[in-house]
Amino acid sequence: MIKASYIETVLLMLGVFFLNFANYRTASALFLALIALLITHLLYKGEKQHD
């Protein structure tokens, strides 16, 4: 299974790559996906610690 941190890193690198080539629409979509994944990851970790 792929760890969430790997996916977060790949999304960040792709976002910076597209931002570098001034493809702002794709970069913002990737950054929004990254933010959503980070929030979900943190919430999941928080719930797991309470169990």
N, C-alpha and C. Protein backbone atom coordinates (compact mmCIF):
# COMPACT_ATOMS: atom_id res chain seq x y z
N MET A 1 0.84 -1.19 0.00
CA MET A 1 0.00 0.00 0.00
C MET A 1 0.88 1.25 0.00
N ILE A 2 0.48 2.23 -0.77
CA ILE A 2 1.25 3.48 -0.87
C ILE A 2 0.96 4.34 0.35
N LYS A 3 2.01 4.84 0.97
CA LYS A 3 1.83 5.71 2.12
C LYS A 3 1.32 7.07 1.68
N ALA A 4 0.53 7.70 2.53
CA ALA A 4 -0.04 9.01 2.20
C ALA A 4 1.05 10.06 2.06
N SER A 5 2.14 9.92 2.82
CA SER A 5 3.22 10.92 2.75
C SER A 5 3.88 10.89 1.37
N TYR A 6 3.95 9.72 0.75
CA TYR A 6 4.52 9.64 -0.61
C TYR A 6 3.62 10.38 -1.61
N ILE A 7 2.32 10.19 -1.48
CA ILE A 7 1.38 10.86 -2.38
C ILE A 7 1.44 12.37 -2.17
N GLU A 8 1.54 12.80 -0.90
CA GLU A 8 1.64 14.22 -0.60
C GLU A 8 2.90 14.82 -1.23
N THR A 9 4.00 14.10 -1.15
CA THR A 9 5.26 14.59 -1.73
C THR A 9 5.16 14.70 -3.25
N VAL A 10 4.57 13.70 -3.88
CA VAL A 10 4.42 13.72 -5.33
C VAL A 10 3.52 14.87 -5.77
N LEU A 11 2.40 15.09 -5.06
CA LEU A 11 1.51 16.19 -5.40
C LEU A 11 2.21 17.53 -5.26
N LEU A 12 3.01 17.68 -4.20
CA LEU A 12 3.75 18.93 -4.01
C LEU A 12 4.75 19.15 -5.13
N MET A 13 5.49 18.11 -5.50
CA MET A 13 6.48 18.24 -6.57
C MET A 13 5.82 18.55 -7.91
N LEU A 14 4.69 17.88 -8.21
CA LEU A 14 3.98 18.16 -9.45
C LEU A 14 3.41 19.57 -9.47
N GLY A 15 2.89 20.03 -8.31
CA GLY A 15 2.37 21.39 -8.23
C GLY A 15 3.44 22.43 -8.50
N VAL A 16 4.61 22.23 -7.90
CA VAL A 16 5.73 23.16 -8.13
C VAL A 16 6.19 23.09 -9.58
N PHE A 17 6.20 21.88 -10.16
CA PHE A 17 6.59 21.72 -11.56
C PHE A 17 5.67 22.51 -12.49
N PHE A 18 4.35 22.36 -12.31
CA PHE A 18 3.41 23.07 -13.16
C PHE A 18 3.41 24.57 -12.89
N LEU A 19 3.67 24.95 -11.64
CA LEU A 19 3.76 26.37 -11.30
C LEU A 19 4.97 27.00 -11.99
N ASN A 20 6.05 26.23 -12.11
CA ASN A 20 7.26 26.70 -12.77
C ASN A 20 7.01 27.04 -14.24
N PHE A 21 6.13 26.29 -14.88
CA PHE A 21 5.83 26.53 -16.29
C PHE A 21 4.58 27.39 -16.49
N ALA A 22 4.18 28.10 -15.43
CA ALA A 22 3.07 29.06 -15.46
C ALA A 22 1.75 28.42 -15.87
N ASN A 23 1.58 27.15 -15.54
CA ASN A 23 0.30 26.48 -15.76
C ASN A 23 -0.47 26.55 -14.45
N TYR A 24 -1.02 27.74 -14.17
CA TYR A 24 -1.57 28.03 -12.84
C TYR A 24 -2.82 27.23 -12.54
N ARG A 25 -3.63 26.93 -13.55
CA ARG A 25 -4.87 26.19 -13.31
C ARG A 25 -4.55 24.77 -12.83
N THR A 26 -3.62 24.11 -13.49
CA THR A 26 -3.25 22.76 -13.08
C THR A 26 -2.54 22.78 -11.72
N ALA A 27 -1.67 23.76 -11.52
CA ALA A 27 -0.95 23.86 -10.25
C ALA A 27 -1.91 24.09 -9.10
N SER A 28 -2.91 24.97 -9.29
CA SER A 28 -3.84 25.21 -8.18
C SER A 28 -4.70 23.99 -7.90
N ALA A 29 -5.06 23.23 -8.92
CA ALA A 29 -5.82 22.00 -8.69
C ALA A 29 -4.98 20.99 -7.90
N LEU A 30 -3.70 20.88 -8.24
CA LEU A 30 -2.82 19.97 -7.51
C LEU A 30 -2.62 20.41 -6.07
N PHE A 31 -2.45 21.73 -5.85
CA PHE A 31 -2.27 22.22 -4.50
C PHE A 31 -3.54 22.04 -3.67
N LEU A 32 -4.71 22.20 -4.28
CA LEU A 32 -5.96 21.95 -3.55
C LEU A 32 -6.09 20.48 -3.18
N ALA A 33 -5.70 19.59 -4.10
CA ALA A 33 -5.71 18.16 -3.79
C ALA A 33 -4.74 17.85 -2.67
N LEU A 34 -3.58 18.50 -2.68
CA LEU A 34 -2.59 18.29 -1.63
C LEU A 34 -3.12 18.75 -0.28
N ILE A 35 -3.75 19.91 -0.24
CA ILE A 35 -4.32 20.42 1.02
C ILE A 35 -5.40 19.48 1.54
N ALA A 36 -6.27 19.02 0.65
CA ALA A 36 -7.33 18.09 1.06
C ALA A 36 -6.74 16.79 1.60
N LEU A 37 -5.71 16.27 0.94
CA LEU A 37 -5.08 15.04 1.41
C LEU A 37 -4.38 15.24 2.74
N LEU A 38 -3.72 16.38 2.92
CA LEU A 38 -3.04 16.66 4.19
C LEU A 38 -4.05 16.74 5.34
N ILE A 39 -5.16 17.43 5.12
CA ILE A 39 -6.18 17.56 6.16
C ILE A 39 -6.77 16.19 6.49
N THR A 40 -7.07 15.41 5.46
CA THR A 40 -7.61 14.07 5.69
C THR A 40 -6.61 13.19 6.44
N HIS A 41 -5.36 13.28 6.06
CA HIS A 41 -4.31 12.51 6.71
C HIS A 41 -4.19 12.89 8.19
N LEU A 42 -4.21 14.19 8.48
CA LEU A 42 -4.10 14.64 9.86
C LEU A 42 -5.31 14.23 10.69
N LEU A 43 -6.50 14.33 10.09
CA LEU A 43 -7.71 13.90 10.81
C LEU A 43 -7.68 12.40 11.08
N TYR A 44 -7.24 11.63 10.12
CA TYR A 44 -7.17 10.18 10.29
C TYR A 44 -6.17 9.82 11.38
N LYS A 45 -5.00 10.51 11.37
CA LYS A 45 -4.00 10.25 12.40
C LYS A 45 -4.53 10.61 13.78
N GLY A 46 -5.29 11.72 13.86
CA GLY A 46 -5.86 12.14 15.13
C GLY A 46 -6.86 11.14 15.66
N GLU A 47 -7.71 10.60 14.78
CA GLU A 47 -8.69 9.60 15.19
C GLU A 47 -8.02 8.30 15.61
N LYS A 48 -6.95 7.95 14.91
CA LYS A 48 -6.24 6.70 15.21
C LYS A 48 -5.58 6.78 16.57
N GLN A 49 -5.10 7.94 16.97
CA GLN A 49 -4.43 8.09 18.26
C GLN A 49 -5.44 8.03 19.42
N HIS A 50 -6.69 8.45 19.17
CA HIS A 50 -7.69 8.43 20.22
C HIS A 50 -8.19 7.02 20.52
N ASP A 51 -8.03 6.10 19.58
CA ASP A 51 -8.53 4.73 19.78
C ASP A 51 -7.69 3.95 20.76
